């Protein structure tokens, strides 16, 4: 889905590509609820990118989102008929320890990520997300000195930030109040 969303962005005539994205996100939603974060990532990228923001005034990304929801509708219907069991399971996984002291699980989260992807890669990921964030919001007229230094266009930096930062931020917030599984931040 990440690769597919770059196709209509890079080829202005490829509006049909949005529907491929919608189908892929819909299939992804059938496998993992984390795919729910894909739509906000697309929206955030389009809002951050002056060059691609015009897509928001077309029906294509919105209809692609509707297509993804259509693929996901059997899961919603099943949950509605079964007391929202699947969704409740997911929500309770993210709030397993209401009585834990603040920051009780934060160290476990950071340590678990360092083990899962390696300490250097994890620190590099956090550093890159931080630098891209600072660079994009300090930049004038869309200029991003750090991104350019790394060989990235401003839009490539925005793309990485839009899909990586919200997922990581959500996982960091959840880790402040609850124990997390080591694999949950993998999409970041």
N, C-alpha and C. Protein backbone atom coordinates (compact mmCIF):
# COMPACT_ATOMS: atom_id res chain seq x y z
N UNK A 1 0.83 -1.19 0.00
CA UNK A 1 0.00 0.00 0.00
C UNK A 1 0.87 1.25 0.00
N UNK A 2 1.97 1.23 0.75
CA UNK A 2 2.87 2.39 0.75
C UNK A 2 3.46 2.62 -0.64
N UNK A 3 3.90 1.57 -1.27
CA UNK A 3 4.43 1.73 -2.62
C UNK A 3 3.32 2.17 -3.57
N UNK A 4 2.17 1.55 -3.46
CA UNK A 4 1.07 1.86 -4.37
C UNK A 4 0.64 3.32 -4.27
N UNK A 5 0.67 3.90 -3.08
CA UNK A 5 0.24 5.30 -2.95
C UNK A 5 1.22 6.25 -3.62
N UNK A 6 2.45 5.82 -3.82
CA UNK A 6 3.41 6.69 -4.51
C UNK A 6 3.12 6.77 -6.01
N UNK A 7 2.46 5.76 -6.56
CA UNK A 7 2.20 5.73 -8.00
C UNK A 7 1.30 6.88 -8.47
N UNK A 8 0.11 7.07 -7.91
CA UNK A 8 -0.69 8.21 -8.39
C UNK A 8 -0.05 9.56 -8.04
N UNK A 9 0.77 9.59 -7.00
CA UNK A 9 1.43 10.84 -6.65
C UNK A 9 2.49 11.20 -7.70
N UNK A 10 3.22 10.21 -8.15
CA UNK A 10 4.29 10.47 -9.12
C UNK A 10 3.79 10.60 -10.55
N UNK A 11 2.64 10.01 -10.84
CA UNK A 11 2.07 10.09 -12.18
C UNK A 11 0.72 10.79 -12.07
N UNK A 12 0.69 12.06 -12.38
CA UNK A 12 -0.51 12.87 -12.20
C UNK A 12 -1.73 12.33 -12.93
N UNK A 13 -1.52 11.54 -13.98
CA UNK A 13 -2.65 11.02 -14.75
C UNK A 13 -3.18 9.70 -14.18
N UNK A 14 -2.56 9.20 -13.15
CA UNK A 14 -2.89 7.87 -12.64
C UNK A 14 -3.87 7.91 -11.48
N UNK A 15 -5.03 8.52 -11.69
CA UNK A 15 -6.04 8.57 -10.64
C UNK A 15 -6.53 7.18 -10.27
N UNK A 16 -6.49 6.25 -11.22
CA UNK A 16 -6.93 4.87 -10.95
C UNK A 16 -6.06 4.22 -9.89
N UNK A 17 -4.83 4.67 -9.75
CA UNK A 17 -3.93 4.12 -8.74
C UNK A 17 -4.47 4.26 -7.32
N UNK A 18 -5.29 5.29 -7.10
CA UNK A 18 -5.88 5.48 -5.77
C UNK A 18 -6.78 4.29 -5.40
N UNK A 19 -7.41 3.69 -6.38
CA UNK A 19 -8.32 2.57 -6.10
C UNK A 19 -7.53 1.29 -5.80
N UNK A 20 -6.35 1.18 -6.39
CA UNK A 20 -5.46 0.08 -6.02
C UNK A 20 -5.04 0.25 -4.55
N UNK A 21 -4.73 1.48 -4.17
CA UNK A 21 -4.38 1.77 -2.78
C UNK A 21 -5.55 1.40 -1.87
N UNK A 22 -6.76 1.81 -2.24
CA UNK A 22 -7.94 1.48 -1.43
C UNK A 22 -8.11 -0.01 -1.24
N UNK A 23 -7.94 -0.79 -2.32
CA UNK A 23 -8.07 -2.25 -2.23
C UNK A 23 -6.97 -2.84 -1.35
N UNK A 24 -5.74 -2.36 -1.49
CA UNK A 24 -4.64 -2.89 -0.68
C UNK A 24 -4.83 -2.55 0.80
N UNK A 25 -5.27 -1.35 1.08
CA UNK A 25 -5.53 -0.98 2.47
C UNK A 25 -6.69 -1.83 3.01
N UNK A 26 -7.71 -2.05 2.19
CA UNK A 26 -8.82 -2.90 2.61
C UNK A 26 -8.37 -4.31 2.93
N UNK A 27 -7.50 -4.89 2.08
CA UNK A 27 -6.95 -6.21 2.36
C UNK A 27 -6.11 -6.18 3.63
N UNK A 28 -5.34 -5.11 3.80
CA UNK A 28 -4.52 -4.97 5.00
C UNK A 28 -5.37 -4.90 6.26
N UNK A 29 -6.51 -4.21 6.17
CA UNK A 29 -7.41 -4.12 7.32
C UNK A 29 -7.99 -5.48 7.70
N UNK A 30 -8.12 -6.37 6.73
CA UNK A 30 -8.60 -7.71 7.03
C UNK A 30 -7.57 -8.51 7.81
N UNK A 31 -6.32 -8.08 7.75
CA UNK A 31 -5.23 -8.79 8.42
C UNK A 31 -4.84 -8.15 9.75
N UNK A 32 -4.82 -6.82 9.81
CA UNK A 32 -4.29 -6.13 10.98
C UNK A 32 -4.93 -4.76 11.13
N UNK A 33 -5.47 -4.49 12.30
CA UNK A 33 -6.15 -3.20 12.53
C UNK A 33 -5.19 -2.01 12.48
N UNK A 34 -3.91 -2.26 12.58
CA UNK A 34 -2.93 -1.17 12.47
C UNK A 34 -3.06 -0.45 11.14
N UNK A 35 -3.60 -1.12 10.13
CA UNK A 35 -3.80 -0.48 8.83
C UNK A 35 -4.76 0.71 8.93
N UNK A 36 -5.50 0.80 10.04
CA UNK A 36 -6.36 1.97 10.23
C UNK A 36 -5.53 3.26 10.25
N UNK A 37 -4.25 3.14 10.58
CA UNK A 37 -3.38 4.32 10.63
C UNK A 37 -2.92 4.76 9.24
N UNK A 38 -3.20 3.96 8.22
CA UNK A 38 -2.77 4.32 6.87
C UNK A 38 -3.49 5.56 6.35
N UNK A 39 -4.80 5.61 6.54
CA UNK A 39 -5.57 6.76 6.03
C UNK A 39 -5.12 8.08 6.67
N UNK A 40 -4.94 8.14 8.00
CA UNK A 40 -4.40 9.39 8.55
C UNK A 40 -3.00 9.72 8.02
N UNK A 41 -2.21 8.69 7.72
CA UNK A 41 -0.88 8.94 7.13
C UNK A 41 -0.99 9.60 5.77
N UNK A 42 -1.90 9.09 4.94
CA UNK A 42 -2.11 9.69 3.62
C UNK A 42 -2.61 11.12 3.77
N UNK A 43 -3.58 11.31 4.64
CA UNK A 43 -4.15 12.65 4.85
C UNK A 43 -3.08 13.61 5.35
N UNK A 44 -2.29 13.18 6.32
CA UNK A 44 -1.23 14.03 6.85
C UNK A 44 -0.22 14.39 5.76
N UNK A 45 0.17 13.40 4.95
CA UNK A 45 1.12 13.69 3.88
C UNK A 45 0.54 14.71 2.89
N UNK A 46 -0.70 14.50 2.49
CA UNK A 46 -1.30 15.41 1.52
C UNK A 46 -1.45 16.82 2.09
N UNK A 47 -1.75 16.92 3.38
CA UNK A 47 -1.85 18.24 4.01
C UNK A 47 -0.48 18.91 4.12
N UNK A 48 0.56 18.13 4.38
CA UNK A 48 1.91 18.69 4.54
C UNK A 48 2.56 19.07 3.21
N UNK A 49 2.12 18.46 2.13
CA UNK A 49 2.79 18.64 0.84
C UNK A 49 2.03 19.60 -0.06
N UNK A 50 2.54 20.80 -0.24
CA UNK A 50 1.87 21.74 -1.14
C UNK A 50 1.72 21.18 -2.57
N UNK A 51 2.69 20.41 -3.01
CA UNK A 51 2.68 19.87 -4.37
C UNK A 51 1.53 18.87 -4.58
N UNK A 52 1.23 18.06 -3.58
CA UNK A 52 0.24 17.00 -3.73
C UNK A 52 -1.09 17.30 -3.04
N UNK A 53 -1.18 18.41 -2.37
CA UNK A 53 -2.40 18.76 -1.63
C UNK A 53 -3.63 18.82 -2.54
N UNK A 54 -3.43 19.11 -3.79
CA UNK A 54 -4.54 19.23 -4.72
C UNK A 54 -5.35 17.94 -4.83
N UNK A 55 -4.72 16.80 -4.52
CA UNK A 55 -5.45 15.52 -4.57
C UNK A 55 -6.64 15.52 -3.61
N UNK A 56 -6.56 16.32 -2.56
CA UNK A 56 -7.67 16.37 -1.59
C UNK A 56 -8.93 16.98 -2.19
N UNK A 57 -8.78 17.74 -3.27
CA UNK A 57 -9.96 18.34 -3.91
C UNK A 57 -10.54 17.44 -5.01
N UNK A 58 -9.97 16.26 -5.18
CA UNK A 58 -10.51 15.30 -6.14
C UNK A 58 -11.23 14.19 -5.38
N UNK A 59 -12.09 13.45 -6.03
CA UNK A 59 -12.80 12.37 -5.33
C UNK A 59 -11.96 11.12 -5.11
N UNK A 60 -10.83 10.99 -5.79
CA UNK A 60 -10.11 9.73 -5.83
C UNK A 60 -9.59 9.23 -4.47
N UNK A 61 -8.87 10.04 -3.68
CA UNK A 61 -8.43 9.50 -2.38
C UNK A 61 -9.61 9.19 -1.46
N UNK A 62 -10.66 9.98 -1.55
CA UNK A 62 -11.84 9.78 -0.70
C UNK A 62 -12.58 8.50 -1.09
N UNK A 63 -12.71 8.26 -2.39
CA UNK A 63 -13.35 7.03 -2.85
C UNK A 63 -12.48 5.81 -2.56
N UNK A 64 -11.17 5.99 -2.61
CA UNK A 64 -10.26 4.89 -2.25
C UNK A 64 -10.44 4.53 -0.78
N UNK A 65 -10.61 5.54 0.07
CA UNK A 65 -10.87 5.31 1.49
C UNK A 65 -12.19 4.55 1.66
N UNK A 66 -13.21 4.94 0.91
CA UNK A 66 -14.50 4.25 0.98
C UNK A 66 -14.36 2.80 0.52
N UNK A 67 -13.53 2.57 -0.50
CA UNK A 67 -13.29 1.21 -0.98
C UNK A 67 -12.61 0.37 0.11
N UNK A 68 -11.64 0.95 0.78
CA UNK A 68 -10.97 0.23 1.88
C UNK A 68 -11.99 -0.13 2.97
N UNK A 69 -12.87 0.80 3.29
CA UNK A 69 -13.90 0.52 4.30
C UNK A 69 -14.86 -0.56 3.82
N UNK A 70 -15.16 -0.59 2.52
CA UNK A 70 -16.03 -1.64 1.98
C UNK A 70 -15.38 -3.02 2.15
N UNK A 71 -14.08 -3.10 1.90
CA UNK A 71 -13.37 -4.36 2.11
C UNK A 71 -13.41 -4.76 3.59
N UNK A 72 -13.35 -3.77 4.45
CA UNK A 72 -13.30 -3.98 5.91
C UNK A 72 -14.68 -4.23 6.51
N UNK A 73 -15.73 -3.94 5.77
CA UNK A 73 -17.09 -4.03 6.32
C UNK A 73 -17.46 -5.41 6.86
N UNK A 74 -17.00 -6.54 6.30
CA UNK A 74 -17.33 -7.82 6.93
C UNK A 74 -16.82 -7.94 8.37
N UNK A 75 -15.66 -7.36 8.63
CA UNK A 75 -15.11 -7.39 10.00
C UNK A 75 -16.00 -6.56 10.92
N UNK A 76 -16.42 -5.40 10.44
CA UNK A 76 -17.30 -4.54 11.25
C UNK A 76 -18.63 -5.24 11.50
N UNK A 77 -19.21 -5.84 10.48
CA UNK A 77 -20.48 -6.55 10.64
C UNK A 77 -20.35 -7.73 11.61
N UNK A 78 -19.27 -8.50 11.47
CA UNK A 78 -19.07 -9.61 12.39
C UNK A 78 -18.97 -9.11 13.83
N UNK A 79 -18.19 -8.05 14.03
CA UNK A 79 -18.04 -7.49 15.38
C UNK A 79 -19.37 -6.98 15.91
N UNK A 80 -20.15 -6.33 15.07
CA UNK A 80 -21.46 -5.82 15.50
C UNK A 80 -22.37 -6.97 15.95
N UNK A 81 -22.28 -8.10 15.26
CA UNK A 81 -23.12 -9.25 15.61
C UNK A 81 -22.60 -10.04 16.80
N UNK A 82 -21.37 -9.80 17.20
CA UNK A 82 -20.75 -10.56 18.29
C UNK A 82 -20.28 -9.66 19.42
N UNK A 83 -21.03 -8.62 19.69
CA UNK A 83 -20.74 -7.75 20.84
C UNK A 83 -19.41 -7.01 20.75
N UNK A 84 -18.97 -6.73 19.54
CA UNK A 84 -17.73 -5.98 19.29
C UNK A 84 -16.52 -6.67 19.91
N UNK A 85 -16.57 -8.00 19.96
CA UNK A 85 -15.55 -8.80 20.61
C UNK A 85 -14.14 -8.55 20.05
N UNK A 86 -13.99 -8.55 18.75
CA UNK A 86 -12.67 -8.34 18.15
C UNK A 86 -12.10 -6.97 18.46
N UNK A 87 -12.94 -5.95 18.35
CA UNK A 87 -12.47 -4.58 18.63
C UNK A 87 -12.17 -4.40 20.12
N UNK A 88 -13.01 -4.96 20.96
CA UNK A 88 -12.76 -4.87 22.41
C UNK A 88 -11.46 -5.56 22.78
N UNK A 89 -11.19 -6.68 22.15
CA UNK A 89 -9.93 -7.39 22.39
C UNK A 89 -8.74 -6.48 22.04
N UNK A 90 -8.83 -5.82 20.90
CA UNK A 90 -7.75 -4.94 20.48
C UNK A 90 -7.59 -3.75 21.43
N UNK A 91 -8.69 -3.16 21.83
CA UNK A 91 -8.64 -2.01 22.74
C UNK A 91 -8.07 -2.42 24.09
N UNK A 92 -8.49 -3.56 24.60
CA UNK A 92 -8.00 -3.98 25.92
C UNK A 92 -6.54 -4.38 25.88
N UNK A 93 -6.03 -4.81 24.72
CA UNK A 93 -4.60 -5.09 24.62
C UNK A 93 -3.78 -3.83 24.84
N UNK A 94 -4.32 -2.70 24.45
CA UNK A 94 -3.61 -1.43 24.61
C UNK A 94 -3.85 -0.76 25.94
N UNK A 95 -4.63 -1.39 26.81
CA UNK A 95 -4.87 -0.80 28.14
C UNK A 95 -4.97 -1.90 29.19
N UNK A 96 -3.95 -2.73 29.23
CA UNK A 96 -3.98 -3.90 30.10
C UNK A 96 -3.66 -3.59 31.55
N UNK A 97 -3.02 -2.51 31.82
CA UNK A 97 -2.57 -2.23 33.19
C UNK A 97 -3.00 -0.83 33.63
N UNK A 98 -4.27 -0.70 33.99
CA UNK A 98 -4.76 0.62 34.42
C UNK A 98 -4.17 1.04 35.76
N UNK A 99 -3.79 0.08 36.58
CA UNK A 99 -3.31 0.41 37.92
C UNK A 99 -1.79 0.58 37.98
N UNK A 100 -1.11 0.48 36.86
CA UNK A 100 0.34 0.60 36.84
C UNK A 100 0.76 2.05 37.06
N UNK A 101 1.91 2.22 37.68
CA UNK A 101 2.46 3.55 37.88
C UNK A 101 2.79 4.18 36.53
N UNK A 102 2.67 5.51 36.41
CA UNK A 102 3.02 6.16 35.15
C UNK A 102 4.45 5.80 34.74
N UNK A 103 4.65 5.61 33.49
CA UNK A 103 5.95 5.25 32.91
C UNK A 103 6.42 3.85 33.29
N UNK A 104 5.58 3.05 33.95
CA UNK A 104 5.97 1.70 34.38
C UNK A 104 6.42 0.86 33.18
N UNK A 105 5.74 0.96 32.05
CA UNK A 105 6.03 0.11 30.89
C UNK A 105 6.85 0.81 29.82
N UNK A 106 7.15 2.09 30.02
CA UNK A 106 7.87 2.85 29.00
C UNK A 106 9.27 2.28 28.75
N UNK A 107 9.97 1.97 29.82
CA UNK A 107 11.31 1.39 29.68
C UNK A 107 11.27 0.05 28.97
N UNK A 108 10.25 -0.77 29.28
CA UNK A 108 10.10 -2.05 28.59
C UNK A 108 9.88 -1.84 27.10
N UNK A 109 9.10 -0.82 26.77
CA UNK A 109 8.83 -0.53 25.36
C UNK A 109 10.12 -0.14 24.64
N UNK A 110 10.85 0.80 25.21
CA UNK A 110 12.09 1.27 24.58
C UNK A 110 13.09 0.11 24.48
N UNK A 111 13.25 -0.61 25.57
CA UNK A 111 14.18 -1.75 25.56
C UNK A 111 13.75 -2.83 24.58
N UNK A 112 12.46 -3.11 24.53
CA UNK A 112 11.95 -4.12 23.61
C UNK A 112 12.20 -3.75 22.16
N UNK A 113 12.01 -2.47 21.84
CA UNK A 113 12.26 -2.02 20.46
C UNK A 113 13.74 -2.11 20.14
N UNK A 114 14.57 -1.73 21.08
CA UNK A 114 16.01 -1.80 20.86
C UNK A 114 16.45 -3.25 20.61
N UNK A 115 15.81 -4.19 21.30
CA UNK A 115 16.13 -5.61 21.09
C UNK A 115 15.56 -6.10 19.77
N UNK A 116 14.31 -5.73 19.48
CA UNK A 116 13.62 -6.26 18.30
C UNK A 116 14.29 -5.84 16.99
N UNK A 117 14.65 -4.59 16.86
CA UNK A 117 15.26 -4.14 15.60
C UNK A 117 16.73 -3.79 15.74
N UNK A 118 17.23 -3.93 16.94
CA UNK A 118 18.62 -3.61 17.20
C UNK A 118 18.74 -2.20 17.74
N UNK A 119 19.60 -2.01 18.72
CA UNK A 119 19.69 -0.69 19.37
C UNK A 119 20.10 0.43 18.42
N UNK A 120 21.02 0.16 17.52
CA UNK A 120 21.47 1.22 16.61
C UNK A 120 20.38 1.62 15.63
N UNK A 121 19.69 0.63 15.06
CA UNK A 121 18.62 0.94 14.12
C UNK A 121 17.47 1.66 14.82
N UNK A 122 17.15 1.24 16.04
CA UNK A 122 16.08 1.91 16.78
C UNK A 122 16.44 3.36 17.08
N UNK A 123 17.65 3.60 17.54
CA UNK A 123 18.08 4.98 17.81
C UNK A 123 18.12 5.79 16.51
N UNK A 124 18.56 5.17 15.42
CA UNK A 124 18.58 5.86 14.13
C UNK A 124 17.17 6.23 13.69
N UNK A 125 16.22 5.32 13.92
CA UNK A 125 14.83 5.58 13.55
C UNK A 125 14.29 6.79 14.33
N UNK A 126 14.50 6.79 15.63
CA UNK A 126 14.03 7.91 16.45
C UNK A 126 14.72 9.21 16.06
N UNK A 127 16.02 9.15 15.83
CA UNK A 127 16.76 10.34 15.45
C UNK A 127 16.26 10.88 14.11
N UNK A 128 16.07 9.99 13.13
CA UNK A 128 15.61 10.43 11.81
C UNK A 128 14.22 11.04 11.88
N UNK A 129 13.30 10.39 12.61
CA UNK A 129 11.96 10.96 12.76
C UNK A 129 12.01 12.33 13.41
N UNK A 130 12.83 12.45 14.44
CA UNK A 130 12.97 13.75 15.12
C UNK A 130 13.56 14.82 14.22
N UNK A 131 14.65 14.47 13.52
CA UNK A 131 15.29 15.45 12.64
C UNK A 131 14.39 15.84 11.48
N UNK A 132 13.69 14.86 10.90
CA UNK A 132 12.77 15.19 9.80
C UNK A 132 11.66 16.10 10.30
N UNK A 133 11.15 15.83 11.49
CA UNK A 133 10.08 16.67 12.05
C UNK A 133 10.56 18.10 12.24
N UNK A 134 11.69 18.25 12.88
CA UNK A 134 12.24 19.58 13.14
C UNK A 134 12.55 20.28 11.82
N UNK A 135 13.17 19.58 10.90
CA UNK A 135 13.56 20.16 9.62
C UNK A 135 12.33 20.63 8.83
N UNK A 136 11.30 19.82 8.79
CA UNK A 136 10.11 20.18 8.01
C UNK A 136 9.37 21.37 8.61
N UNK A 137 9.31 21.42 9.93
CA UNK A 137 8.55 22.50 10.54
C UNK A 137 9.35 23.78 10.70
N UNK A 138 10.67 23.70 10.62
CA UNK A 138 11.50 24.91 10.64
C UNK A 138 11.75 25.45 9.25
N UNK A 139 11.67 24.57 8.26
CA UNK A 139 12.01 24.93 6.88
C UNK A 139 11.15 26.05 6.35
N UNK A 140 11.74 26.83 5.48
CA UNK A 140 11.00 27.93 4.85
C UNK A 140 10.63 27.52 3.44
N UNK A 141 9.38 27.73 3.09
CA UNK A 141 8.93 27.43 1.73
C UNK A 141 9.09 25.97 1.34
N UNK A 142 9.01 25.10 2.32
CA UNK A 142 9.11 23.68 2.02
C UNK A 142 10.55 23.17 1.97
N UNK A 143 11.52 24.05 2.19
CA UNK A 143 12.91 23.60 2.17
C UNK A 143 13.20 22.78 3.41
N UNK A 144 13.91 21.71 3.23
CA UNK A 144 14.29 20.85 4.35
C UNK A 144 15.77 20.54 4.24
N UNK A 145 16.61 21.31 4.91
CA UNK A 145 18.05 21.13 4.76
C UNK A 145 18.51 19.72 5.14
N UNK A 146 17.97 19.13 6.22
CA UNK A 146 18.40 17.79 6.60
C UNK A 146 18.00 16.78 5.55
N UNK A 147 16.79 16.88 5.04
CA UNK A 147 16.33 15.94 4.02
C UNK A 147 17.21 16.04 2.78
N UNK A 148 17.53 17.26 2.35
CA UNK A 148 18.38 17.43 1.18
C UNK A 148 19.77 16.85 1.43
N UNK A 149 20.27 17.03 2.63
CA UNK A 149 21.58 16.48 2.97
C UNK A 149 21.57 14.96 2.89
N UNK A 150 20.43 14.36 3.18
CA UNK A 150 20.31 12.89 3.13
C UNK A 150 19.91 12.41 1.74
N UNK A 151 19.79 13.32 0.79
CA UNK A 151 19.42 12.94 -0.57
C UNK A 151 17.92 12.75 -0.75
N UNK A 152 17.13 13.31 0.15
CA UNK A 152 15.67 13.21 0.06
C UNK A 152 15.08 14.53 -0.38
N UNK A 153 14.05 14.46 -1.19
CA UNK A 153 13.31 15.67 -1.50
C UNK A 153 12.46 16.03 -0.28
N UNK A 154 11.95 17.23 -0.26
CA UNK A 154 11.08 17.64 0.83
C UNK A 154 9.85 16.75 0.89
N UNK A 155 9.31 16.37 -0.26
CA UNK A 155 8.14 15.51 -0.27
C UNK A 155 8.45 14.10 0.21
N UNK A 156 9.63 13.59 -0.11
CA UNK A 156 10.01 12.27 0.39
C UNK A 156 10.13 12.31 1.92
N UNK A 157 10.70 13.39 2.44
CA UNK A 157 10.80 13.53 3.90
C UNK A 157 9.41 13.62 4.53
N UNK A 158 8.53 14.38 3.91
CA UNK A 158 7.16 14.48 4.42
C UNK A 158 6.47 13.12 4.40
N UNK A 159 6.69 12.35 3.35
CA UNK A 159 6.09 11.03 3.21
C UNK A 159 6.55 10.11 4.35
N UNK A 160 7.86 10.07 4.57
CA UNK A 160 8.40 9.24 5.66
C UNK A 160 7.86 9.68 7.01
N UNK A 161 7.80 10.97 7.22
CA UNK A 161 7.31 11.50 8.48
C UNK A 161 5.82 11.21 8.67
N UNK A 162 5.03 11.40 7.63
CA UNK A 162 3.58 11.22 7.74
C UNK A 162 3.20 9.79 8.08
N UNK A 163 3.98 8.83 7.62
CA UNK A 163 3.64 7.43 7.89
C UNK A 163 4.38 6.87 9.10
N UNK A 164 5.54 7.41 9.43
CA UNK A 164 6.31 6.88 10.55
C UNK A 164 6.00 7.52 11.88
N UNK A 165 5.95 8.84 11.90
CA UNK A 165 5.81 9.55 13.18
C UNK A 165 4.49 9.28 13.90
N UNK A 166 3.33 9.33 13.24
CA UNK A 166 2.09 9.09 14.00
C UNK A 166 2.02 7.70 14.63
N UNK A 167 2.51 6.69 13.90
CA UNK A 167 2.50 5.33 14.43
C UNK A 167 3.40 5.23 15.65
N UNK A 168 4.61 5.78 15.54
CA UNK A 168 5.54 5.74 16.67
C UNK A 168 5.01 6.56 17.84
N UNK A 169 4.44 7.72 17.57
CA UNK A 169 3.89 8.56 18.64
C UNK A 169 2.75 7.84 19.37
N UNK A 170 1.86 7.21 18.61
CA UNK A 170 0.77 6.45 19.23
C UNK A 170 1.32 5.34 20.11
N UNK A 171 2.31 4.62 19.64
CA UNK A 171 2.90 3.52 20.42
C UNK A 171 3.59 4.06 21.67
N UNK A 172 4.28 5.19 21.55
CA UNK A 172 4.92 5.79 22.72
C UNK A 172 3.88 6.18 23.77
N UNK A 173 2.78 6.77 23.33
CA UNK A 173 1.72 7.19 24.26
C UNK A 173 1.11 5.98 24.96
N UNK A 174 0.81 4.94 24.19
CA UNK A 174 0.23 3.73 24.79
C UNK A 174 1.20 3.12 25.79
N UNK A 175 2.49 3.15 25.48
CA UNK A 175 3.48 2.56 26.37
C UNK A 175 3.58 3.29 27.70
N UNK A 176 3.09 4.53 27.78
CA UNK A 176 3.11 5.27 29.03
C UNK A 176 2.13 4.71 30.05
N UNK A 177 1.09 4.00 29.55
CA UNK A 177 0.06 3.51 30.47
C UNK A 177 -0.15 2.01 30.43
N UNK A 178 0.47 1.33 29.47
CA UNK A 178 0.18 -0.09 29.31
C UNK A 178 1.38 -0.84 28.75
N UNK A 179 1.43 -2.11 29.07
CA UNK A 179 2.45 -2.98 28.51
C UNK A 179 2.11 -3.24 27.05
N UNK A 180 3.13 -3.17 26.21
CA UNK A 180 2.93 -3.39 24.77
C UNK A 180 3.71 -4.62 24.33
N UNK A 181 3.21 -5.24 23.29
CA UNK A 181 3.94 -6.35 22.70
C UNK A 181 5.06 -5.78 21.84
N UNK A 182 6.13 -6.51 21.76
CA UNK A 182 7.33 -6.03 21.10
C UNK A 182 7.13 -5.77 19.60
N UNK A 183 6.19 -6.48 18.98
CA UNK A 183 6.00 -6.36 17.54
C UNK A 183 5.05 -5.23 17.12
N UNK A 184 4.35 -4.61 18.04
CA UNK A 184 3.33 -3.62 17.67
C UNK A 184 3.86 -2.44 16.89
N UNK A 185 5.02 -1.88 17.22
CA UNK A 185 5.49 -0.72 16.45
C UNK A 185 6.14 -1.07 15.11
N UNK A 186 6.12 -2.34 14.71
CA UNK A 186 6.80 -2.75 13.48
C UNK A 186 6.44 -1.88 12.26
N UNK A 187 5.18 -1.45 12.08
CA UNK A 187 4.87 -0.62 10.91
C UNK A 187 5.61 0.71 10.87
N UNK A 188 6.10 1.19 11.99
CA UNK A 188 6.84 2.44 12.01
C UNK A 188 8.10 2.30 11.19
